[in-house]
Amino acid sequence: MNIVVIGQGAIGLLWYHHLAKMPALSVSLSASTSAQQIPRHYSFTHLNNQTTQQTLTIADDKAFADAQCLLFCVKSYQVQAALAALKHKIAPETVLIFCHNGMGALDDITSLSQPVLTLLTTHACKILNPFHAQHTGLGHHHLGLLHGALSTKKNQQITAALAQALPTLSFNHDIVAKQWLKLAINCVINPITALENINNGQLLVGSYNDTISKLIAEIVKVAAAEDIVFDFKQLQASIQTVAKNTADNCSSMRADILNQRKTEIDFINGYIMKVAHKHRLSVPENQQLYQKIKALEAKR
């Protein structure tokens, strides 16, 4: 199977590294135009803190033409531009897989002829230097179909390839519910850790309980309007579990703020606000965090 990974961020390099080790796969990487210089090798630091250097195979037009699968590992706000730049280079049957935070980046995919899947991950990874990623925590992947049709054989091939490269992974027929769960968790952990400049585990101290409870109540209300049912206590427990399991981690939004980069707030709390507006619901806590993050972004 020919696979092109789009994006040289932490998750992009994580997937490229593990897929490239699979002898049955032909894997290349498409780096963004923001890369000042694309090296011949990349570095990867494993969970045991050992660092290896591997050859980097860069995707060319032939790689895109032959690709059976494109794995987009870009920021939510980069999705549309990345797709627009590549959709004329690929075949109608090429499977498109999107791995990014938040929701709303793929609202207009119905015009695509290609099948579209989403890949949700709880693996933790960070960039140490350009083209040097460090895998910092094991997790699980949820894969599911968002648009189009996928044969049973193709589904099994893709699921098996991804699962073998970087376990564990499951295919979910109700992937939208999984998207909403990840969104809900991100709506709490990302903005608070970014604004307070704290690691994820510090959310568990009591001083944040009131804000977290208000956020959860708003998310449960908005999700219900979209026929997604959350139990308040179960969602609260899920958020606490993620914060505990990633206690020493720096959230992606906090990392963006610290590195003076644009955040994905528009597709996280901003998405909650967008859906709330559609249903004429009030979400003041989400709106307040959204505005505070936007104010920090403006200082870049």
C-alpha atoms as a PDB file:
ATOM      1  CA  MET A   1       0.000   0.000   0.000  1.00  0.00           C
ATOM      2  CA  ASN A   2       1.253   3.471  -0.931  1.00  0.00           C
ATOM      3  CA  ILE A   3       0.707   6.052   1.826  1.00  0.00           C
ATOM      4  CA  VAL A   4       1.607   9.750   1.895  1.00  0.00           C
ATOM      5  CA  VAL A   5       1.723  11.461   5.297  1.00  0.00           C
ATOM      6  CA  ILE A   6       0.918  15.181   5.127  1.00  0.00           C
ATOM      7  CA  GLY A   7       2.624  17.367   7.724  1.00  0.00           C
ATOM      8  CA  GLN A   8       5.880  17.243   9.654  1.00  0.00           C
ATOM      9  CA  GLY A   9       4.447  18.104  13.067  1.00  0.00           C
ATOM     10  CA  ALA A  10       4.573  15.798  16.063  1.00  0.00           C
ATOM     11  CA  ILE A  11       1.723  13.493  14.981  1.00  0.00           C
ATOM     12  CA  GLY A  12       2.818  13.542  11.345  1.00  0.00           C
ATOM     13  CA  LEU A  13       6.335  12.384  12.231  1.00  0.00           C
ATOM     14  CA  LEU A  14       4.940   9.864  14.716  1.00  0.00           C
ATOM     15  CA  TRP A  15       2.869   8.207  12.009  1.00  0.00           C
ATOM     16  CA  TYR A  16       5.535   8.535   9.317  1.00  0.00           C
ATOM     17  CA  HIS A  17       8.127   6.905  11.566  1.00  0.00           C
ATOM     18  CA  HIS A  18       6.003   3.893  12.430  1.00  0.00           C
ATOM     19  CA  LEU A  19       4.461   3.409   8.985  1.00  0.00           C
ATOM     20  CA  ALA A  20       7.858   3.655   7.258  1.00  0.00           C
ATOM     21  CA  LYS A  21       9.092   0.668   9.310  1.00  0.00           C
ATOM     22  CA  MET A  22       6.424  -1.574   7.761  1.00  0.00           C
ATOM     23  CA  PRO A  23       8.003  -3.555   4.857  1.00  0.00           C
ATOM     24  CA  ALA A  24       4.670  -3.978   3.043  1.00  0.00           C
ATOM     25  CA  LEU A  25       4.100  -0.235   2.830  1.00  0.00           C
ATOM     26  CA  SER A  26       5.570   2.465   0.597  1.00  0.00           C
ATOM     27  CA  VAL A  27       5.524   5.629   2.699  1.00  0.00           C
ATOM     28  CA  SER A  28       6.549   9.204   1.945  1.00  0.00           C
ATOM     29  CA  LEU A  29       6.143  12.548   3.690  1.00  0.00           C
ATOM     30  CA  SER A  30       4.823  15.820   2.336  1.00  0.00           C
ATOM     31  CA  ALA A  31       6.231  18.705   4.362  1.00  0.00           C
ATOM     32  CA  SER A  32       4.448  22.030   4.614  1.00  0.00           C
ATOM     33  CA  THR A  33       5.727  25.117   2.862  1.00  0.00           C
ATOM     34  CA  SER A  34       6.567  26.575   6.281  1.00  0.00           C
ATOM     35  CA  ALA A  35       9.598  24.282   6.465  1.00  0.00           C
ATOM     36  CA  GLN A  36      12.588  26.490   5.704  1.00  0.00           C
ATOM     37  CA  GLN A  37      14.733  23.494   4.789  1.00  0.00           C
ATOM     38  CA  ILE A  38      13.779  19.855   4.343  1.00  0.00           C
ATOM     39  CA  PRO A  39      16.562  17.530   5.531  1.00  0.00           C
ATOM     40  CA  ARG A  40      17.458  14.126   4.153  1.00  0.00           C
ATOM     41  CA  HIS A  41      17.001  12.575   7.582  1.00  0.00           C
ATOM     42  CA  TYR A  42      14.685  13.038  10.560  1.00  0.00           C
ATOM     43  CA  SER A  43      15.164  12.199  14.231  1.00  0.00           C
ATOM     44  CA  PHE A  44      12.768  10.282  16.457  1.00  0.00           C
ATOM     45  CA  THR A  45      13.004   9.879  20.224  1.00  0.00           C
ATOM     46  CA  HIS A  46      11.232   6.771  21.462  1.00  0.00           C
ATOM     47  CA  LEU A  47       9.354   6.191  24.710  1.00  0.00           C
ATOM     48  CA  ASN A  48      12.562   4.765  26.231  1.00  0.00           C
ATOM     49  CA  ASN A  49      14.297   8.108  25.443  1.00  0.00           C
ATOM     50  CA  GLN A  50      16.532   6.524  22.807  1.00  0.00           C
ATOM     51  CA  THR A  51      16.917   8.664  19.685  1.00  0.00           C
ATOM     52  CA  THR A  52      17.361   7.288  16.187  1.00  0.00           C
ATOM     53  CA  GLN A  53      17.951   9.028  12.872  1.00  0.00           C
ATOM     54  CA  GLN A  54      16.221   7.725   9.763  1.00  0.00           C
ATOM     55  CA  THR A  55      16.133   8.555   6.061  1.00  0.00           C
ATOM     56  CA  LEU A  56      13.293  10.868   5.071  1.00  0.00           C
ATOM     57  CA  THR A  57      11.450  10.031   1.847  1.00  0.00           C
ATOM     58  CA  ILE A  58       9.771  13.144   0.486  1.00  0.00           C
ATOM     59  CA  ALA A  59       6.592  12.757  -1.577  1.00  0.00           C
ATOM     60  CA  ASP A  60       6.681  13.865  -5.222  1.00  0.00           C
ATOM     61  CA  ASP A  61       3.901  14.075  -7.815  1.00  0.00           C
ATOM     62  CA  LYS A  62       4.244  10.362  -8.616  1.00  0.00           C
ATOM     63  CA  ALA A  63       3.828   9.484  -4.951  1.00  0.00           C
ATOM     64  CA  PHE A  64       0.573  11.455  -4.872  1.00  0.00           C
ATOM     65  CA  ALA A  65      -0.665   9.935  -8.137  1.00  0.00           C
ATOM     66  CA  ASP A  66       0.045   6.415  -6.858  1.00  0.00           C
ATOM     67  CA  ALA A  67      -1.163   7.028  -3.313  1.00  0.00           C
ATOM     68  CA  GLN A  68      -3.866   4.712  -2.049  1.00  0.00           C
ATOM     69  CA  CYS A  69      -4.107   6.694   1.151  1.00  0.00           C
ATOM     70  CA  LEU A  70      -3.301  10.240   2.274  1.00  0.00           C
ATOM     71  CA  LEU A  71      -2.917  10.780   6.006  1.00  0.00           C
ATOM     72  CA  PHE A  72      -3.387  14.477   6.841  1.00  0.00           C
ATOM     73  CA  CYS A  73      -1.638  15.323  10.123  1.00  0.00           C
ATOM     74  CA  VAL A  74      -2.023  19.101  10.096  1.00  0.00           C
ATOM     75  CA  LYS A  75      -3.624  21.723  12.312  1.00  0.00           C
ATOM     76  CA  SER A  76      -7.394  22.177  11.994  1.00  0.00           C
ATOM     77  CA  TYR A  77      -6.992  25.585  10.355  1.00  0.00           C
ATOM     78  CA  GLN A  78      -4.602  24.094   7.770  1.00  0.00           C
ATOM     79  CA  VAL A  79      -6.936  21.326   6.594  1.00  0.00           C
ATOM     80  CA  GLN A  80      -8.714  23.193   3.794  1.00  0.00           C
ATOM     81  CA  ALA A  81      -5.520  24.652   2.310  1.00  0.00           C
ATOM     82  CA  ALA A  82      -3.751  21.281   2.439  1.00  0.00           C
ATOM     83  CA  LEU A  83      -6.685  19.568   0.760  1.00  0.00           C
ATOM     84  CA  ALA A  84      -7.016  22.246  -1.934  1.00  0.00           C
ATOM     85  CA  ALA A  85      -3.315  21.946  -2.801  1.00  0.00           C
ATOM     86  CA  LEU A  86      -3.496  18.184  -3.287  1.00  0.00           C
ATOM     87  CA  LYS A  87      -6.956  17.160  -4.466  1.00  0.00           C
ATOM     88  CA  HIS A  88      -6.040  17.599  -8.145  1.00  0.00           C
ATOM     89  CA  LYS A  89      -2.937  15.414  -7.748  1.00  0.00           C
ATOM     90  CA  ILE A  90      -4.691  12.305  -6.444  1.00  0.00           C
ATOM     91  CA  ALA A  91      -6.981   9.638  -7.841  1.00  0.00           C
ATOM     92  CA  PRO A  92     -10.747   9.615  -7.169  1.00  0.00           C
ATOM     93  CA  GLU A  93     -10.384   6.395  -5.177  1.00  0.00           C
ATOM     94  CA  THR A  94      -7.571   7.620  -2.920  1.00  0.00           C
ATOM     95  CA  VAL A  95      -8.658   7.334   0.704  1.00  0.00           C
ATOM     96  CA  LEU A  96      -8.298  10.566   2.694  1.00  0.00           C
ATOM     97  CA  ILE A  97      -7.677  10.289   6.444  1.00  0.00           C
ATOM     98  CA  PHE A  98      -7.671  13.390   8.636  1.00  0.00           C
ATOM     99  CA  CYS A  99      -5.986  13.432  12.033  1.00  0.00           C
ATOM    100  CA  HIS A 100      -6.438  16.774  13.801  1.00  0.00           C
ATOM    101  CA  ASN A 101      -7.958  18.369  16.876  1.00  0.00           C
ATOM    102  CA  GLY A 102     -11.421  19.849  17.057  1.00  0.00           C
ATOM    103  CA  MET A 103     -14.412  19.750  14.715  1.00  0.00           C
ATOM    104  CA  GLY A 104     -15.687  21.884  11.859  1.00  0.00           C
ATOM    105  CA  ALA A 105     -12.641  21.756   9.588  1.00  0.00           C
ATOM    106  CA  LEU A 106     -14.365  19.189   7.354  1.00  0.00           C
ATOM    107  CA  ASP A 107     -17.878  20.616   7.201  1.00  0.00           C
ATOM    108  CA  ASP A 108     -17.827  20.906   3.382  1.00  0.00           C
ATOM    109  CA  ILE A 109     -16.471  17.501   2.313  1.00  0.00           C
ATOM    110  CA  THR A 110     -19.608  16.371   0.491  1.00  0.00           C
ATOM    111  CA  SER A 111     -18.182  17.595  -2.832  1.00  0.00           C
ATOM    112  CA  LEU A 112     -15.214  15.238  -2.601  1.00  0.00           C
ATOM    113  CA  SER A 113     -15.214  12.091  -4.724  1.00  0.00           C
ATOM    114  CA  GLN A 114     -12.755  10.380  -2.380  1.00  0.00           C
ATOM    115  CA  PRO A 115     -13.830   8.521   0.765  1.00  0.00           C
ATOM    116  CA  VAL A 116     -12.993  10.503   3.913  1.00  0.00           C
ATOM    117  CA  LEU A 117     -12.090   9.046   7.293  1.00  0.00           C
ATOM    118  CA  THR A 118     -11.109  10.648  10.559  1.00  0.00           C
ATOM    119  CA  LEU A 119      -8.428   9.333  12.888  1.00  0.00           C
ATOM    120  CA  LEU A 120      -8.600  10.284  16.552  1.00  0.00           C
ATOM    121  CA  THR A 121      -5.581   9.606  18.714  1.00  0.00           C
ATOM    122  CA  THR A 122      -4.651   9.791  22.385  1.00  0.00           C
ATOM    123  CA  HIS A 123      -0.959   9.088  21.780  1.00  0.00           C
ATOM    124  CA  ALA A 124       1.227  11.904  23.095  1.00  0.00           C
ATOM    125  CA  CYS A 125       4.054  13.307  21.004  1.00  0.00           C
ATOM    126  CA  LYS A 126       5.948  16.589  20.784  1.00  0.00           C
ATOM    127  CA  ILE A 127       8.410  18.354  18.519  1.00  0.00           C
ATOM    128  CA  LEU A 128      11.862  18.908  20.034  1.00  0.00           C
ATOM    129  CA  ASN A 129      13.345  20.543  16.945  1.00  0.00           C
ATOM    130  CA  PRO A 130      12.339  20.769  13.274  1.00  0.00           C
ATOM    131  CA  PHE A 131      12.016  17.194  11.965  1.00  0.00           C
ATOM    132  CA  HIS A 132      12.697  15.759  15.426  1.00  0.00           C
ATOM    133  CA  ALA A 133       9.711  14.299  17.281  1.00  0.00           C
ATOM    134  CA  GLN A 134       9.514  12.611  20.668  1.00  0.00           C
ATOM    135  CA  HIS A 135       6.883  10.010  21.511  1.00  0.00           C
ATOM    136  CA  THR A 136       5.906  10.815  25.103  1.00  0.00           C
ATOM    137  CA  GLY A 137       2.914   8.600  25.813  1.00  0.00           C
ATOM    138  CA  LEU A 138       1.042   5.556  24.539  1.00  0.00           C
ATOM    139  CA  GLY A 139      -2.615   5.831  23.629  1.00  0.00           C
ATOM    140  CA  HIS A 140      -5.321   4.481  21.362  1.00  0.00           C
ATOM    141  CA  HIS A 141      -6.609   5.404  17.904  1.00  0.00           C
ATOM    142  CA  HIS A 142     -10.216   5.528  16.721  1.00  0.00           C
ATOM    143  CA  LEU A 143     -10.742   5.353  12.946  1.00  0.00           C
ATOM    144  CA  GLY A 144     -14.080   5.940  11.247  1.00  0.00           C
ATOM    145  CA  LEU A 145     -15.758   6.877   7.976  1.00  0.00           C
ATOM    146  CA  LEU A 146     -17.108  10.432   7.633  1.00  0.00           C
ATOM    147  CA  HIS A 147     -17.958  10.604   3.927  1.00  0.00           C
ATOM    148  CA  GLY A 148     -18.251   8.352   0.903  1.00  0.00           C
ATOM    149  CA  ALA A 149     -18.061   4.587   0.664  1.00  0.00           C
ATOM    150  CA  LEU A 150     -15.286   2.165   1.516  1.00  0.00           C
ATOM    151  CA  SER A 151     -15.235  -1.490   0.525  1.00  0.00           C
ATOM    152  CA  THR A 152     -14.854  -4.059   3.275  1.00  0.00           C
ATOM    153  CA  LYS A 153     -11.515  -5.145   1.780  1.00  0.00           C
ATOM    154  CA  LYS A 154     -10.123  -1.596   1.633  1.00  0.00           C
ATOM    155  CA  ASN A 155     -11.384  -0.883   5.140  1.00  0.00           C
ATOM    156  CA  GLN A 156      -9.656  -3.982   6.474  1.00  0.00           C
ATOM    157  CA  GLN A 157      -6.412  -3.177   4.623  1.00  0.00           C
ATOM    158  CA  ILE A 158      -6.188   0.367   6.003  1.00  0.00           C
ATOM    159  CA  THR A 159      -7.262  -0.567   9.516  1.00  0.00           C
ATOM    160  CA  ALA A 160      -4.758  -3.439   9.641  1.00  0.00           C
ATOM    161  CA  ALA A 161      -1.879  -1.330   8.280  1.00  0.00           C
ATOM    162  CA  LEU A 162      -2.425   1.489  10.781  1.00  0.00           C
ATOM    163  CA  ALA A 163      -3.052  -0.883  13.684  1.00  0.00           C
ATOM    164  CA  GLN A 164       0.128  -2.863  13.010  1.00  0.00           C
ATOM    165  CA  ALA A 165       2.241   0.250  12.565  1.00  0.00           C
ATOM    166  CA  LEU A 166       1.152   2.026  15.757  1.00  0.00           C
ATOM    167  CA  PRO A 167      -1.150   0.024  18.058  1.00  0.00           C
ATOM    168  CA  THR A 168      -3.719   0.108  19.397  1.00  0.00           C
ATOM    169  CA  LEU A 169      -6.426   1.046  16.889  1.00  0.00           C
ATOM    170  CA  SER A 170     -10.093   0.248  16.394  1.00  0.00           C
ATOM    171  CA  PHE A 171     -12.545   1.037  13.591  1.00  0.00           C
ATOM    172  CA  ASN A 172     -15.662   2.781  14.869  1.00  0.00           C
ATOM    173  CA  HIS A 173     -18.960   2.906  12.987  1.00  0.00           C
ATOM    174  CA  ASP A 174     -20.171   5.749  15.234  1.00  0.00           C
ATOM    175  CA  ILE A 175     -17.091   7.917  14.875  1.00  0.00           C
ATOM    176  CA  VAL A 176     -19.006  11.191  15.304  1.00  0.00           C
ATOM    177  CA  ALA A 177     -19.758  10.307  18.932  1.00  0.00           C
ATOM    178  CA  LYS A 178     -16.028   9.678  19.454  1.00  0.00           C
ATOM    179  CA  GLN A 179     -15.267  13.038  17.831  1.00  0.00           C
ATOM    180  CA  TRP A 180     -17.605  14.788  20.241  1.00  0.00           C
ATOM    181  CA  LEU A 181     -16.026  13.070  23.241  1.00  0.00           C
ATOM    182  CA  LYS A 182     -12.541  14.152  22.204  1.00  0.00           C
ATOM    183  CA  LEU A 183     -13.855  17.649  21.462  1.00  0.00           C
ATOM    184  CA  ALA A 184     -15.426  17.876  24.920  1.00  0.00           C
ATOM    185  CA  ILE A 185     -12.189  16.847  26.612  1.00  0.00           C
ATOM    186  CA  ASN A 186     -10.174  19.306  24.524  1.00  0.00           C
ATOM    187  CA  CYS A 187     -12.647  22.113  25.292  1.00  0.00           C
ATOM    188  CA  VAL A 188     -11.729  21.798  28.961  1.00  0.00           C
ATOM    189  CA  ILE A 189      -8.055  20.799  29.028  1.00  0.00           C
ATOM    190  CA  ASN A 190      -6.662  22.899  26.184  1.00  0.00           C
ATOM    191  CA  PRO A 191      -7.837  26.433  26.969  1.00  0.00           C
ATOM    192  CA  ILE A 192      -7.417  26.249  30.743  1.00  0.00           C
ATOM    193  CA  THR A 193      -3.885  24.835  30.576  1.00  0.00           C
ATOM    194  CA  ALA A 194      -2.982  27.413  27.923  1.00  0.00           C
ATOM    195  CA  LEU A 195      -4.352  30.351  29.897  1.00  0.00           C
ATOM    196  CA  GLU A 196      -2.929  29.211  33.232  1.00  0.00           C
ATOM    197  CA  ASN A 197       0.345  27.916  31.719  1.00  0.00           C
ATOM    198  CA  ILE A 198       0.086  24.593  33.556  1.00  0.00           C
ATOM    199  CA  ASN A 199       0.601  20.912  32.771  1.00  0.00           C
ATOM    200  CA  ASN A 200      -2.526  18.819  32.262  1.00  0.00           C
ATOM    201  CA  GLY A 201      -2.386  17.203  35.694  1.00  0.00           C
ATOM    202  CA  GLN A 202      -2.623  20.527  37.474  1.00  0.00           C
ATOM    203  CA  LEU A 203      -6.234  20.788  36.318  1.00  0.00           C
ATOM    204  CA  LEU A 204      -7.073  18.289  39.030  1.00  0.00           C
ATOM    205  CA  VAL A 205      -6.536  20.803  41.822  1.00  0.00           C
ATOM    206  CA  GLY A 206      -9.756  22.172  43.247  1.00  0.00           C
ATOM    207  CA  SER A 207      -9.393  25.770  42.105  1.00  0.00           C
ATOM    208  CA  TYR A 208     -10.487  24.868  38.545  1.00  0.00           C
ATOM    209  CA  ASN A 209     -13.535  22.785  39.490  1.00  0.00           C
ATOM    210  CA  ASP A 210     -16.085  25.564  39.054  1.00  0.00           C
ATOM    211  CA  THR A 211     -14.867  26.534  35.583  1.00  0.00           C
ATOM    212  CA  ILE A 212     -14.692  22.898  34.509  1.00  0.00           C
ATOM    213  CA  SER A 213     -18.228  22.191  35.753  1.00  0.00           C
ATOM    214  CA  LYS A 214     -19.632  25.176  33.875  1.00  0.00           C
ATOM    215  CA  LEU A 215     -17.843  24.133  30.679  1.00  0.00           C
ATOM    216  CA  ILE A 216     -19.138  20.567  30.945  1.00  0.00           C
ATOM    217  CA  ALA A 217     -22.709  21.746  31.512  1.00  0.00           C
ATOM    218  CA  GLU A 218     -22.553  23.900  28.377  1.00  0.00           C
ATOM    219  CA  ILE A 219     -20.981  21.124  26.284  1.00  0.00           C
ATOM    220  CA  VAL A 220     -23.603  18.585  27.414  1.00  0.00           C
ATOM    221  CA  LYS A 221     -26.367  21.038  26.434  1.00  0.00           C
ATOM    222  CA  VAL A 222     -24.909  21.823  22.992  1.00  0.00           C
ATOM    223  CA  ALA A 223     -24.116  18.165  22.234  1.00  0.00           C
ATOM    224  CA  ALA A 224     -27.712  17.194  23.077  1.00  0.00           C
ATOM    225  CA  ALA A 225     -28.947  19.657  20.450  1.00  0.00           C
ATOM    226  CA  GLU A 226     -26.901  17.632  17.923  1.00  0.00           C
ATOM    227  CA  ASP A 227     -28.313  14.312  19.230  1.00  0.00           C
ATOM    228  CA  ILE A 228     -25.102  13.470  21.073  1.00  0.00           C
ATOM    229  CA  VAL A 229     -25.881  12.343  24.614  1.00  0.00           C
ATOM    230  CA  PHE A 230     -23.383  12.908  27.418  1.00  0.00           C
ATOM    231  CA  ASP A 231     -23.834  12.102  31.074  1.00  0.00           C
ATOM    232  CA  PHE A 232     -22.385  14.985  33.118  1.00  0.00           C
ATOM    233  CA  LYS A 233     -20.614  12.798  35.696  1.00  0.00           C
ATOM    234  CA  GLN A 234     -19.280  10.361  33.114  1.00  0.00           C
ATOM    235  CA  LEU A 235     -17.890  13.190  30.986  1.00  0.00           C
ATOM    236  CA  GLN A 236     -16.379  14.795  34.077  1.00  0.00           C
ATOM    237  CA  ALA A 237     -14.736  11.461  34.951  1.00  0.00           C
ATOM    238  CA  SER A 238     -13.384  11.079  31.392  1.00  0.00           C
ATOM    239  CA  ILE A 239     -11.793  14.529  31.539  1.00  0.00           C
ATOM    240  CA  GLN A 240     -10.257  13.787  34.937  1.00  0.00           C
ATOM    241  CA  THR A 241      -8.878  10.473  33.637  1.00  0.00           C
ATOM    242  CA  VAL A 242      -7.216  12.132  30.634  1.00  0.00           C
ATOM    243  CA  ALA A 243      -5.767  14.879  32.855  1.00  0.00           C
ATOM    244  CA  LYS A 244      -4.402  12.232  35.234  1.00  0.00           C
ATOM    245  CA  ASN A 245      -2.993   9.986  32.483  1.00  0.00           C
ATOM    246  CA  THR A 246      -1.304  12.956  30.789  1.00  0.00           C
ATOM    247  CA  ALA A 247      -0.438  14.761  34.031  1.00  0.00           C
ATOM    248  CA  ASP A 248       3.072  15.797  32.970  1.00  0.00           C
ATOM    249  CA  ASN A 249       2.116  16.699  29.413  1.00  0.00           C
ATOM    250  CA  CYS A 250       1.842  20.129  27.859  1.00  0.00           C
ATOM    251  CA  SER A 251      -1.412  20.500  25.907  1.00  0.00           C
ATOM    252  CA  SER A 252      -1.162  21.387  22.224  1.00  0.00           C
ATOM    253  CA  MET A 253      -2.875  24.739  22.778  1.00  0.00           C
ATOM    254  CA  ARG A 254      -0.516  25.651  25.598  1.00  0.00           C
ATOM    255  CA  ALA A 255       2.436  24.693  23.376  1.00  0.00           C
ATOM    256  CA  ASP A 256       1.050  26.901  20.614  1.00  0.00           C
ATOM    257  CA  ILE A 257       0.712  29.875  22.969  1.00  0.00           C
ATOM    258  CA  LEU A 258       4.190  29.358  24.433  1.00  0.00           C
ATOM    259  CA  ASN A 259       5.666  29.197  20.922  1.00  0.00           C
ATOM    260  CA  GLN A 260       3.618  32.187  19.738  1.00  0.00           C
ATOM    261  CA  ARG A 261       1.725  30.143  17.168  1.00  0.00           C
ATOM    262  CA  LYS A 262      -1.891  30.259  16.103  1.00  0.00           C
ATOM    263  CA  THR A 263      -4.077  27.904  18.146  1.00  0.00           C
ATOM    264  CA  GLU A 264      -6.945  25.626  17.133  1.00  0.00           C
ATOM    265  CA  ILE A 265      -9.404  27.406  19.434  1.00  0.00           C
ATOM    266  CA  ASP A 266     -11.766  28.154  16.504  1.00  0.00           C
ATOM    267  CA  PHE A 267     -12.304  24.418  16.059  1.00  0.00           C
ATOM    268  CA  ILE A 268     -12.510  23.552  19.754  1.00  0.00           C
ATOM    269  CA  ASN A 269     -14.404  25.982  21.993  1.00  0.00           C
ATOM    270  CA  GLY A 270     -15.142  28.009  18.870  1.00  0.00           C
ATOM    271  CA  TYR A 271     -16.974  25.009  17.407  1.00  0.00           C
ATOM    272  CA  ILE A 272     -19.096  24.729  20.553  1.00  0.00           C
ATOM    273  CA  MET A 273     -19.969  28.414  20.126  1.00  0.00           C
ATOM    274  CA  LYS A 274     -20.839  27.886  16.445  1.00  0.00           C
ATOM    275  CA  VAL A 275     -23.182  24.984  17.167  1.00  0.00           C
ATOM    276  CA  ALA A 276     -24.679  26.804  20.147  1.00  0.00           C
ATOM    277  CA  HIS A 277     -25.455  29.787  17.904  1.00  0.00           C
ATOM    278  CA  LYS A 278     -27.193  27.500  15.412  1.00  0.00           C
ATOM    279  CA  HIS A 279     -29.466  26.203  18.168  1.00  0.00           C
ATOM    280  CA  ARG A 280     -29.825  29.591  19.904  1.00  0.00           C
ATOM    281  CA  LEU A 281     -28.090  28.377  23.054  1.00  0.00           C
ATOM    282  CA  SER A 282     -25.938  30.392  25.448  1.00  0.00           C
ATOM    283  CA  VAL A 283     -22.400  29.195  26.254  1.00  0.00           C
ATOM    284  CA  PRO A 284     -20.795  32.069  28.231  1.00  0.00           C
ATOM    285  CA  GLU A 285     -17.998  29.984  29.785  1.00  0.00           C
ATOM    286  CA  ASN A 286     -16.816  28.676  26.423  1.00  0.00           C
ATOM    287  CA  GLN A 287     -17.089  32.157  24.957  1.00  0.00           C
ATOM    288  CA  GLN A 288     -15.039  33.677  27.757  1.00  0.00           C
ATOM    289  CA  LEU A 289     -12.207  31.163  27.323  1.00  0.00           C
ATOM    290  CA  TYR A 290     -12.357  31.605  23.552  1.00  0.00           C
ATOM    291  CA  GLN A 291     -11.980  35.379  23.865  1.00  0.00           C
ATOM    292  CA  LYS A 292      -9.078  35.050  26.316  1.00  0.00           C
ATOM    293  CA  ILE A 293      -7.193  32.690  23.997  1.00  0.00           C
ATOM    294  CA  LYS A 294      -7.823  35.029  21.067  1.00  0.00           C
ATOM    295  CA  ALA A 295      -6.404  37.886  23.133  1.00  0.00           C
ATOM    296  CA  LEU A 296      -3.230  35.868  23.757  1.00  0.00           C
ATOM    297  CA  GLU A 297      -2.988  35.016  20.067  1.00  0.00           C
ATOM    298  CA  ALA A 298      -3.194  38.702  19.198  1.00  0.00           C
ATOM    299  CA  LYS A 299      -0.002  39.324  21.185  1.00  0.00           C
ATOM    300  CA  ARG A 300       2.058  37.114  18.859  1.00  0.00           C
END
